[in-house]
Amino acid sequence: VFYFGIIADITPPVALAAFAASGISGGDPIRTGIHSAKLAIA
């Protein structure tokens, strides 16, 4: 439960870490969140 609670931060629709990263990169928040979830498949 700890792992899945944590990765909620990069799982859309509420992906605060991904949204913050998109604020730096200039990217789309949702697409950044989707890519984050793919990268964090582990």
PDB file of all heavy atoms in Angstrom:
ATOM      1  N   VAL A   1       0.834  -1.212   0.000  1.00  0.00           N
ATOM      2  CA  VAL A   1       0.000   0.000   0.000  1.00  0.00           C
ATOM      3  C   VAL A   1       0.866   1.259   0.000  1.00  0.00           C
ATOM      4  O   VAL A   1       0.482   2.284  -0.577  1.00  0.00           O
ATOM      5  CB  VAL A   1      -0.977   0.011   1.197  1.00  0.00           C
ATOM      6  CG1 VAL A   1      -1.931  -1.171   1.116  1.00  0.00           C
ATOM      7  CG2 VAL A   1      -0.243   0.002   2.535  1.00  0.00           C
ATOM      8  N   PHE A   2       2.025   1.190   0.630  1.00  0.00           N
ATOM      9  CA  PHE A   2       2.930   2.343   0.663  1.00  0.00           C
ATOM     10  C   PHE A   2       3.371   2.717  -0.750  1.00  0.00           C
ATOM     11  O   PHE A   2       3.334   3.891  -1.135  1.00  0.00           O
ATOM     12  CB  PHE A   2       4.137   2.015   1.536  1.00  0.00           C
ATOM     13  CG  PHE A   2       5.213   3.071   1.541  1.00  0.00           C
ATOM     14  CD1 PHE A   2       4.926   4.372   1.924  1.00  0.00           C
ATOM     15  CD2 PHE A   2       6.520   2.768   1.177  1.00  0.00           C
ATOM     16  CE1 PHE A   2       5.921   5.355   1.937  1.00  0.00           C
ATOM     17  CE2 PHE A   2       7.510   3.736   1.186  1.00  0.00           C
ATOM     18  CZ  PHE A   2       7.215   5.021   1.567  1.00  0.00           C
ATOM     19  N   TYR A   3       3.775   1.727  -1.540  1.00  0.00           N
ATOM     20  CA  TYR A   3       4.222   1.994  -2.905  1.00  0.00           C
ATOM     21  C   TYR A   3       3.125   2.639  -3.740  1.00  0.00           C
ATOM     22  O   TYR A   3       3.348   3.648  -4.420  1.00  0.00           O
ATOM     23  CB  TYR A   3       4.694   0.695  -3.570  1.00  0.00           C
ATOM     24  CG  TYR A   3       6.196   0.550  -3.593  1.00  0.00           C
ATOM     25  CD1 TYR A   3       6.902   0.317  -2.419  1.00  0.00           C
ATOM     26  CD2 TYR A   3       6.918   0.669  -4.766  1.00  0.00           C
ATOM     27  CE1 TYR A   3       8.282   0.199  -2.421  1.00  0.00           C
ATOM     28  CE2 TYR A   3       8.300   0.549  -4.787  1.00  0.00           C
ATOM     29  CZ  TYR A   3       8.975   0.317  -3.613  1.00  0.00           C
ATOM     30  OH  TYR A   3      10.339   0.222  -3.614  1.00  0.00           O
ATOM     31  N   PHE A   4       1.943   2.075  -3.704  1.00  0.00           N
ATOM     32  CA  PHE A   4       0.881   2.615  -4.559  1.00  0.00           C
ATOM     33  C   PHE A   4       0.365   3.957  -4.051  1.00  0.00           C
ATOM     34  O   PHE A   4      -0.070   4.803  -4.840  1.00  0.00           O
ATOM     35  CB  PHE A   4      -0.255   1.602  -4.708  1.00  0.00           C
ATOM     36  CG  PHE A   4       0.073   0.492  -5.656  1.00  0.00           C
ATOM     37  CD1 PHE A   4       0.207  -0.811  -5.211  1.00  0.00           C
ATOM     38  CD2 PHE A   4       0.296   0.758  -6.995  1.00  0.00           C
ATOM     39  CE1 PHE A   4       0.537  -1.832  -6.080  1.00  0.00           C
ATOM     40  CE2 PHE A   4       0.627  -0.253  -7.880  1.00  0.00           C
ATOM     41  CZ  PHE A   4       0.757  -1.554  -7.425  1.00  0.00           C
ATOM     42  N   GLY A   5       0.412   4.178  -2.753  1.00  0.00           N
ATOM     43  CA  GLY A   5       0.063   5.496  -2.240  1.00  0.00           C
ATOM     44  C   GLY A   5       1.029   6.563  -2.726  1.00  0.00           C
ATOM     45  O   GLY A   5       0.628   7.675  -3.079  1.00  0.00           O
ATOM     46  N   ILE A   6       2.324   6.207  -2.767  1.00  0.00           N
ATOM     47  CA  ILE A   6       3.351   7.165  -3.203  1.00  0.00           C
ATOM     48  C   ILE A   6       3.232   7.484  -4.680  1.00  0.00           C
ATOM     49  O   ILE A   6       3.300   8.652  -5.092  1.00  0.00           O
ATOM     50  CB  ILE A   6       4.758   6.614  -2.887  1.00  0.00           C
ATOM     51  CG1 ILE A   6       4.997   6.582  -1.381  1.00  0.00           C
ATOM     52  CG2 ILE A   6       5.836   7.459  -3.574  1.00  0.00           C
ATOM     53  CD1 ILE A   6       4.946   7.928  -0.711  1.00  0.00           C
ATOM     54  N   ILE A   7       3.057   6.454  -5.520  1.00  0.00           N
ATOM     55  CA  ILE A   7       3.056   6.728  -6.965  1.00  0.00           C
ATOM     56  C   ILE A   7       1.770   7.386  -7.435  1.00  0.00           C
ATOM     57  O   ILE A   7       1.634   7.695  -8.629  1.00  0.00           O
ATOM     58  CB  ILE A   7       3.364   5.469  -7.806  1.00  0.00           C
ATOM     59  CG1 ILE A   7       2.333   4.369  -7.543  1.00  0.00           C
ATOM     60  CG2 ILE A   7       4.769   4.981  -7.540  1.00  0.00           C
ATOM     61  CD1 ILE A   7       2.520   3.166  -8.441  1.00  0.00           C
ATOM     62  N   ALA A   8       0.844   7.636  -6.502  1.00  0.00           N
ATOM     63  CA  ALA A   8      -0.302   8.479  -6.851  1.00  0.00           C
ATOM     64  C   ALA A   8       0.179   9.869  -7.272  1.00  0.00           C
ATOM     65  O   ALA A   8      -0.509  10.573  -8.016  1.00  0.00           O
ATOM     66  CB  ALA A   8      -1.260   8.591  -5.667  1.00  0.00           C
ATOM     67  N   ASP A   9       1.382  10.259  -6.814  1.00  0.00           N
ATOM     68  CA  ASP A   9       1.936  11.573  -7.166  1.00  0.00           C
ATOM     69  C   ASP A   9       2.292  11.692  -8.643  1.00  0.00           C
ATOM     70  O   ASP A   9       2.543  12.801  -9.136  1.00  0.00           O
ATOM     71  CB  ASP A   9       3.186  11.860  -6.325  1.00  0.00           C
ATOM     72  CG  ASP A   9       2.854  12.569  -5.019  1.00  0.00           C
ATOM     73  OD1 ASP A   9       1.681  12.943  -4.833  1.00  0.00           O
ATOM     74  OD2 ASP A   9       3.762  12.745  -4.192  1.00  0.00           O
ATOM     75  N   ILE A  10       2.385  10.561  -9.343  1.00  0.00           N
ATOM     76  CA  ILE A  10       2.689  10.623 -10.783  1.00  0.00           C
ATOM     77  C   ILE A  10       1.624   9.901 -11.605  1.00  0.00           C
ATOM     78  O   ILE A  10       1.837   9.598 -12.779  1.00  0.00           O
ATOM     79  CB  ILE A  10       4.080  10.027 -11.109  1.00  0.00           C
ATOM     80  CG1 ILE A  10       4.238   8.635 -10.504  1.00  0.00           C
ATOM     81  CG2 ILE A  10       5.184  10.955 -10.635  1.00  0.00           C
ATOM     82  CD1 ILE A  10       5.495   7.920 -10.939  1.00  0.00           C
ATOM     83  N   THR A  11       0.495   9.611 -10.967  1.00  0.00           N
ATOM     84  CA  THR A  11      -0.579   8.908 -11.666  1.00  0.00           C
ATOM     85  C   THR A  11      -1.737   9.869 -11.909  1.00  0.00           C
ATOM     86  O   THR A  11      -2.374  10.314 -10.951  1.00  0.00           O
ATOM     87  CB  THR A  11      -1.078   7.704 -10.833  1.00  0.00           C
ATOM     88  OG1 THR A  11       0.036   6.880 -10.488  1.00  0.00           O
ATOM     89  CG2 THR A  11      -2.079   6.891 -11.617  1.00  0.00           C
ATOM     90  N   PRO A  12      -1.996  10.239 -13.184  1.00  0.00           N
ATOM     91  CA  PRO A  12      -3.122  11.141 -13.456  1.00  0.00           C
ATOM     92  C   PRO A  12      -4.418  10.537 -12.931  1.00  0.00           C
ATOM     93  O   PRO A  12      -4.532   9.317 -12.800  1.00  0.00           O
ATOM     94  CB  PRO A  12      -3.124  11.216 -14.991  1.00  0.00           C
ATOM     95  CG  PRO A  12      -1.722  10.841 -15.396  1.00  0.00           C
ATOM     96  CD  PRO A  12      -1.283   9.816 -14.386  1.00  0.00           C
ATOM     97  N   PRO A  13      -5.415  11.377 -12.608  1.00  0.00           N
ATOM     98  CA  PRO A  13      -5.491  12.810 -12.889  1.00  0.00           C
ATOM     99  C   PRO A  13      -4.835  13.717 -11.840  1.00  0.00           C
ATOM    100  O   PRO A  13      -4.590  14.878 -12.113  1.00  0.00           O
ATOM    101  CB  PRO A  13      -7.001  13.067 -12.927  1.00  0.00           C
ATOM    102  CG  PRO A  13      -7.554  12.061 -11.951  1.00  0.00           C
ATOM    103  CD  PRO A  13      -6.691  10.845 -12.073  1.00  0.00           C
ATOM    104  N   VAL A  14      -4.597  13.212 -10.618  1.00  0.00           N
ATOM    105  CA  VAL A  14      -3.974  14.067  -9.598  1.00  0.00           C
ATOM    106  C   VAL A  14      -2.523  13.632  -9.454  1.00  0.00           C
ATOM    107  O   VAL A  14      -2.188  12.799  -8.626  1.00  0.00           O
ATOM    108  CB  VAL A  14      -4.702  13.954  -8.245  1.00  0.00           C
ATOM    109  CG1 VAL A  14      -4.093  14.923  -7.243  1.00  0.00           C
ATOM    110  CG2 VAL A  14      -6.192  14.225  -8.414  1.00  0.00           C
ATOM    111  N   ALA A  15      -1.661  14.185 -10.279  1.00  0.00           N
ATOM    112  CA  ALA A  15      -0.251  13.789 -10.299  1.00  0.00           C
ATOM    113  C   ALA A  15       0.595  15.021  -9.989  1.00  0.00           C
ATOM    114  O   ALA A  15       1.185  15.639 -10.881  1.00  0.00           O
ATOM    115  CB  ALA A  15       0.114  13.200 -11.658  1.00  0.00           C
ATOM    116  N   LEU A  16       0.660  15.385  -8.710  1.00  0.00           N
ATOM    117  CA  LEU A  16       1.259  16.664  -8.324  1.00  0.00           C
ATOM    118  C   LEU A  16       2.724  16.772  -8.739  1.00  0.00           C
ATOM    119  O   LEU A  16       3.175  17.836  -9.170  1.00  0.00           O
ATOM    120  CB  LEU A  16       1.126  16.865  -6.816  1.00  0.00           C
ATOM    121  CG  LEU A  16      -0.305  17.018  -6.275  1.00  0.00           C
ATOM    122  CD1 LEU A  16      -0.279  17.255  -4.775  1.00  0.00           C
ATOM    123  CD2 LEU A  16      -1.028  18.162  -6.982  1.00  0.00           C
ATOM    124  N   ALA A  17       3.482  15.687  -8.587  1.00  0.00           N
ATOM    125  CA  ALA A  17       4.901  15.733  -8.963  1.00  0.00           C
ATOM    126  C   ALA A  17       5.050  15.945 -10.464  1.00  0.00           C
ATOM    127  O   ALA A  17       5.908  16.715 -10.924  1.00  0.00           O
ATOM    128  CB  ALA A  17       5.608  14.447  -8.531  1.00  0.00           C
ATOM    129  N   ALA A  18       4.215  15.263 -11.251  1.00  0.00           N
ATOM    130  CA  ALA A  18       4.270  15.426 -12.705  1.00  0.00           C
ATOM    131  C   ALA A  18       3.838  16.834 -13.112  1.00  0.00           C
ATOM    132  O   ALA A  18       4.411  17.430 -14.031  1.00  0.00           O
ATOM    133  CB  ALA A  18       3.379  14.384 -13.381  1.00  0.00           C
ATOM    134  N   PHE A  19       2.835  17.373 -12.430  1.00  0.00           N
ATOM    135  CA  PHE A  19       2.382  18.729 -12.754  1.00  0.00           C
ATOM    136  C   PHE A  19       3.474  19.754 -12.444  1.00  0.00           C
ATOM    137  O   PHE A  19       3.674  20.712 -13.200  1.00  0.00           O
ATOM    138  CB  PHE A  19       1.113  19.067 -11.974  1.00  0.00           C
ATOM    139  CG  PHE A  19      -0.097  18.270 -12.397  1.00  0.00           C
ATOM    140  CD1 PHE A  19      -1.298  18.383 -11.727  1.00  0.00           C
ATOM    141  CD2 PHE A  19      -0.033  17.397 -13.476  1.00  0.00           C
ATOM    142  CE1 PHE A  19      -2.416  17.655 -12.112  1.00  0.00           C
ATOM    143  CE2 PHE A  19      -1.140  16.657 -13.872  1.00  0.00           C
ATOM    144  CZ  PHE A  19      -2.329  16.787 -13.189  1.00  0.00           C
ATOM    145  N   ALA A  20       4.174  19.558 -11.331  1.00  0.00           N
ATOM    146  CA  ALA A  20       5.272  20.469 -10.991  1.00  0.00           C
ATOM    147  C   ALA A  20       6.383  20.375 -12.028  1.00  0.00           C
ATOM    148  O   ALA A  20       6.962  21.390 -12.437  1.00  0.00           O
ATOM    149  CB  ALA A  20       5.821  20.143  -9.603  1.00  0.00           C
ATOM    150  N   ALA A  21       6.680  19.158 -12.475  1.00  0.00           N
ATOM    151  CA  ALA A  21       7.723  18.974 -13.492  1.00  0.00           C
ATOM    152  C   ALA A  21       7.320  19.628 -14.810  1.00  0.00           C
ATOM    153  O   ALA A  21       8.160  20.226 -15.502  1.00  0.00           O
ATOM    154  CB  ALA A  21       7.988  17.484 -13.707  1.00  0.00           C
ATOM    155  N   SER A  22       6.038  19.551 -15.167  1.00  0.00           N
ATOM    156  CA  SER A  22       5.579  20.182 -16.408  1.00  0.00           C
ATOM    157  C   SER A  22       5.678  21.702 -16.312  1.00  0.00           C
ATOM    158  O   SER A  22       5.862  22.385 -17.319  1.00  0.00           O
ATOM    159  CB  SER A  22       4.140  19.760 -16.729  1.00  0.00           C
ATOM    160  OG  SER A  22       3.227  20.315 -15.787  1.00  0.00           O
ATOM    161  N   GLY A  23       5.563  22.230 -15.090  1.00  0.00           N
ATOM    162  CA  GLY A  23       5.730  23.670 -14.902  1.00  0.00           C
ATOM    163  C   GLY A  23       7.141  24.122 -15.210  1.00  0.00           C
ATOM    164  O   GLY A  23       7.367  25.265 -15.627  1.00  0.00           O
ATOM    165  N   ILE A  24       8.117  23.227 -15.019  1.00  0.00           N
ATOM    166  CA  ILE A  24       9.508  23.554 -15.351  1.00  0.00           C
ATOM    167  C   ILE A  24       9.789  23.290 -16.822  1.00  0.00           C
ATOM    168  O   ILE A  24      10.446  24.087 -17.502  1.00  0.00           O
ATOM    169  CB  ILE A  24      10.476  22.709 -14.485  1.00  0.00           C
ATOM    170  CG1 ILE A  24      10.243  22.988 -13.004  1.00  0.00           C
ATOM    171  CG2 ILE A  24      11.936  23.009 -14.852  1.00  0.00           C
ATOM    172  CD1 ILE A  24      11.033  22.074 -12.080  1.00  0.00           C
ATOM    173  N   SER A  25       9.270  22.169 -17.334  1.00  0.00           N
ATOM    174  CA  SER A  25       9.598  21.763 -18.716  1.00  0.00           C
ATOM    175  C   SER A  25       8.790  22.521 -19.765  1.00  0.00           C
ATOM    176  O   SER A  25       9.190  22.592 -20.926  1.00  0.00           O
ATOM    177  CB  SER A  25       9.345  20.259 -18.887  1.00  0.00           C
ATOM    178  OG  SER A  25       7.955  19.965 -18.829  1.00  0.00           O
ATOM    179  N   GLY A  26       7.640  23.087 -19.354  1.00  0.00           N
ATOM    180  CA  GLY A  26       6.759  23.730 -20.326  1.00  0.00           C
ATOM    181  C   GLY A  26       5.898  22.729 -21.064  1.00  0.00           C
ATOM    182  O   GLY A  26       5.244  23.055 -22.053  1.00  0.00           O
ATOM    183  N   GLY A  27       5.871  21.480 -20.575  1.00  0.00           N
ATOM    184  CA  GLY A  27       5.093  20.438 -21.219  1.00  0.00           C
ATOM    185  C   GLY A  27       3.654  20.415 -20.759  1.00  0.00           C
ATOM    186  O   GLY A  27       3.221  21.212 -19.924  1.00  0.00           O
ATOM    187  N   ASP A  28       2.901  19.459 -21.306  1.00  0.00           N
ATOM    188  CA  ASP A  28       1.505  19.285 -20.927  1.00  0.00           C
ATOM    189  C   ASP A  28       1.438  18.454 -19.644  1.00  0.00           C
ATOM    190  O   ASP A  28       2.030  17.371 -19.571  1.00  0.00           O
ATOM    191  CB  ASP A  28       0.743  18.561 -22.047  1.00  0.00           C
ATOM    192  CG  ASP A  28      -0.704  18.319 -21.679  1.00  0.00           C
ATOM    193  OD1 ASP A  28      -1.491  19.273 -21.740  1.00  0.00           O
ATOM    194  OD2 ASP A  28      -1.029  17.174 -21.315  1.00  0.00           O
ATOM    195  N   PRO A  29       0.729  18.919 -18.614  1.00  0.00           N
ATOM    196  CA  PRO A  29       0.715  18.207 -17.335  1.00  0.00           C
ATOM    197  C   PRO A  29       0.214  16.764 -17.435  1.00  0.00           C
ATOM    198  O   PRO A  29       0.800  15.856 -16.841  1.00  0.00           O
ATOM    199  CB  PRO A  29      -0.220  19.055 -16.466  1.00  0.00           C
ATOM    200  CG  PRO A  29      -0.153  20.423 -17.065  1.00  0.00           C
ATOM    201  CD  PRO A  29       0.013  20.209 -18.535  1.00  0.00           C
ATOM    202  N   ILE A  30      -0.879  16.549 -18.174  1.00  0.00           N
ATOM    203  CA  ILE A  30      -1.439  15.197 -18.269  1.00  0.00           C
ATOM    204  C   ILE A  30      -0.503  14.272 -19.035  1.00  0.00           C
ATOM    205  O   ILE A  30      -0.244  13.136 -18.620  1.00  0.00           O
ATOM    206  CB  ILE A  30      -2.831  15.218 -18.930  1.00  0.00           C
ATOM    207  CG1 ILE A  30      -3.819  16.029 -18.067  1.00  0.00           C
ATOM    208  CG2 ILE A  30      -3.337  13.792 -19.133  1.00  0.00           C
ATOM    209  CD1 ILE A  30      -4.051  15.446 -16.686  1.00  0.00           C
ATOM    210  N   ARG A  31       0.048  14.763 -20.170  1.00  0.00           N
ATOM    211  CA  ARG A  31       0.983  13.915 -20.929  1.00  0.00           C
ATOM    212  C   ARG A  31       2.224  13.610 -20.096  1.00  0.00           C
ATOM    213  O   ARG A  31       2.756  12.496 -20.140  1.00  0.00           O
ATOM    214  CB  ARG A  31       1.376  14.586 -22.249  1.00  0.00           C
ATOM    215  CG  ARG A  31       0.322  14.487 -23.330  1.00  0.00           C
ATOM    216  CD  ARG A  31       0.931  14.713 -24.705  1.00  0.00           C
ATOM    217  NE  ARG A  31       1.484  16.051 -24.846  1.00  0.00           N
ATOM    218  CZ  ARG A  31       0.795  17.093 -25.303  1.00  0.00           C
ATOM    219  NH1 ARG A  31      -0.471  16.933 -25.655  1.00  0.00           N
ATOM    220  NH2 ARG A  31       1.353  18.278 -25.413  1.00  0.00           N
ATOM    221  N   THR A  32       2.687  14.610 -19.341  1.00  0.00           N
ATOM    222  CA  THR A  32       3.835  14.370 -18.464  1.00  0.00           C
ATOM    223  C   THR A  32       3.497  13.311 -17.431  1.00  0.00           C
ATOM    224  O   THR A  32       4.311  12.432 -17.134  1.00  0.00           O
ATOM    225  CB  THR A  32       4.258  15.677 -17.760  1.00  0.00           C
ATOM    226  OG1 THR A  32       4.599  16.659 -18.747  1.00  0.00           O
ATOM    227  CG2 THR A  32       5.461  15.441 -16.853  1.00  0.00           C
ATOM    228  N   GLY A  33       2.287  13.374 -16.883  1.00  0.00           N
ATOM    229  CA  GLY A  33       1.849  12.374 -15.913  1.00  0.00           C
ATOM    230  C   GLY A  33       1.772  10.980 -16.507  1.00  0.00           C
ATOM    231  O   GLY A  33       2.183   9.989 -15.882  1.00  0.00           O
ATOM    232  N   ILE A  34       1.259  10.890 -17.738  1.00  0.00           N
ATOM    233  CA  ILE A  34       1.164   9.584 -18.407  1.00  0.00           C
ATOM    234  C   ILE A  34       2.555   9.010 -18.662  1.00  0.00           C
ATOM    235  O   ILE A  34       2.820   7.827 -18.407  1.00  0.00           O
ATOM    236  CB  ILE A  34       0.370   9.713 -19.726  1.00  0.00           C
ATOM    237  CG1 ILE A  34      -1.096  10.041 -19.416  1.00  0.00           C
ATOM    238  CG2 ILE A  34       0.468   8.422 -20.544  1.00  0.00           C
ATOM    239  CD1 ILE A  34      -1.918  10.412 -20.632  1.00  0.00           C
ATOM    240  N   HIS A  35       3.466   9.842 -19.158  1.00  0.00           N
ATOM    241  CA  HIS A  35       4.837   9.386 -19.383  1.00  0.00           C
ATOM    242  C   HIS A  35       5.507   8.985 -18.065  1.00  0.00           C
ATOM    243  O   HIS A  35       6.266   8.014 -18.014  1.00  0.00           O
ATOM    244  CB  HIS A  35       5.660  10.488 -20.057  1.00  0.00           C
ATOM    245  CG  HIS A  35       5.292  10.740 -21.495  1.00  0.00           C
ATOM    246  ND1 HIS A  35       4.704   9.798 -22.281  1.00  0.00           N
ATOM    247  CD2 HIS A  35       5.448  11.845 -22.280  1.00  0.00           C
ATOM    248  CE1 HIS A  35       4.500  10.293 -23.499  1.00  0.00           C
ATOM    249  NE2 HIS A  35       4.945  11.539 -23.523  1.00  0.00           N
ATOM    250  N   SER A  36       5.217   9.741 -17.002  1.00  0.00           N
ATOM    251  CA  SER A  36       5.790   9.412 -15.689  1.00  0.00           C
ATOM    252  C   SER A  36       5.341   8.027 -15.242  1.00  0.00           C
ATOM    253  O   SER A  36       6.146   7.231 -14.736  1.00  0.00           O
ATOM    254  CB  SER A  36       5.368  10.443 -14.646  1.00  0.00           C
ATOM    255  OG  SER A  36       5.833  11.730 -14.964  1.00  0.00           O
ATOM    256  N   ALA A  37       4.046   7.754 -15.412  1.00  0.00           N
ATOM    257  CA  ALA A  37       3.521   6.452 -15.015  1.00  0.00           C
ATOM    258  C   ALA A  37       4.152   5.333 -15.835  1.00  0.00           C
ATOM    259  O   ALA A  37       4.425   4.245 -15.317  1.00  0.00           O
ATOM    260  CB  ALA A  37       2.004   6.439 -15.162  1.00  0.00           C
ATOM    261  N   LYS A  38       4.404   5.598 -17.132  1.00  0.00           N
ATOM    262  CA  LYS A  38       5.061   4.579 -17.969  1.00  0.00           C
ATOM    263  C   LYS A  38       6.492   4.340 -17.508  1.00  0.00           C
ATOM    264  O   LYS A  38       6.945   3.192 -17.405  1.00  0.00           O
ATOM    265  CB  LYS A  38       5.052   5.019 -19.438  1.00  0.00           C
ATOM    266  CG  LYS A  38       3.687   4.980 -20.100  1.00  0.00           C
ATOM    267  CD  LYS A  38       3.781   5.472 -21.535  1.00  0.00           C
ATOM    268  CE  LYS A  38       2.428   5.462 -22.220  1.00  0.00           C
ATOM    269  NZ  LYS A  38       2.515   6.014 -23.600  1.00  0.00           N
ATOM    270  N   LEU A  39       7.206   5.424 -17.250  1.00  0.00           N
ATOM    271  CA  LEU A  39       8.586   5.276 -16.793  1.00  0.00           C
ATOM    272  C   LEU A  39       8.651   4.558 -15.447  1.00  0.00           C
ATOM    273  O   LEU A  39       9.611   3.821 -15.162  1.00  0.00           O
ATOM    274  CB  LEU A  39       9.256   6.644 -16.674  1.00  0.00           C
ATOM    275  CG  LEU A  39       9.670   7.314 -17.983  1.00  0.00           C
ATOM    276  CD1 LEU A  39      10.127   8.742 -17.722  1.00  0.00           C
ATOM    277  CD2 LEU A  39      10.774   6.531 -18.670  1.00  0.00           C
ATOM    278  N   ALA A  40       7.662   4.784 -14.624  1.00  0.00           N
ATOM    279  CA  ALA A  40       7.640   4.185 -13.284  1.00  0.00           C
ATOM    280  C   ALA A  40       6.899   2.850 -13.282  1.00  0.00           C
ATOM    281  O   ALA A  40       6.367   2.441 -12.253  1.00  0.00           O
ATOM    282  CB  ALA A  40       6.997   5.145 -12.292  1.00  0.00           C
ATOM    283  N   ILE A  41       6.885   2.174 -14.426  1.00  0.00           N
ATOM    284  CA  ILE A  41       6.171   0.895 -14.521  1.00  0.00           C
ATOM    285  C   ILE A  41       6.655  -0.077 -13.448  1.00  0.00           C
ATOM    286  O   ILE A  41       5.902  -0.910 -12.947  1.00  0.00           O
ATOM    287  CB  ILE A  41       6.345   0.287 -15.932  1.00  0.00           C
ATOM    288  CG1 ILE A  41       5.455  -0.940 -16.118  1.00  0.00           C
ATOM    289  CG2 ILE A  41       7.802  -0.073 -16.200  1.00  0.00           C
ATOM    290  CD1 ILE A  41       3.983  -0.620 -16.159  1.00  0.00           C
ATOM    291  N   ALA A  42       7.940   0.059 -13.070  1.00  0.00           N
ATOM    292  CA  ALA A  42       8.488  -0.820 -12.030  1.00  0.00           C
ATOM    293  C   ALA A  42       7.708  -0.679 -10.735  1.00  0.00           C
ATOM    294  O   ALA A  42       7.519  -1.658  -9.996  1.00  0.00           O
ATOM    295  CB  ALA A  42       9.960  -0.501 -11.796  1.00  0.00           C
TER     296      ALA A  42
END
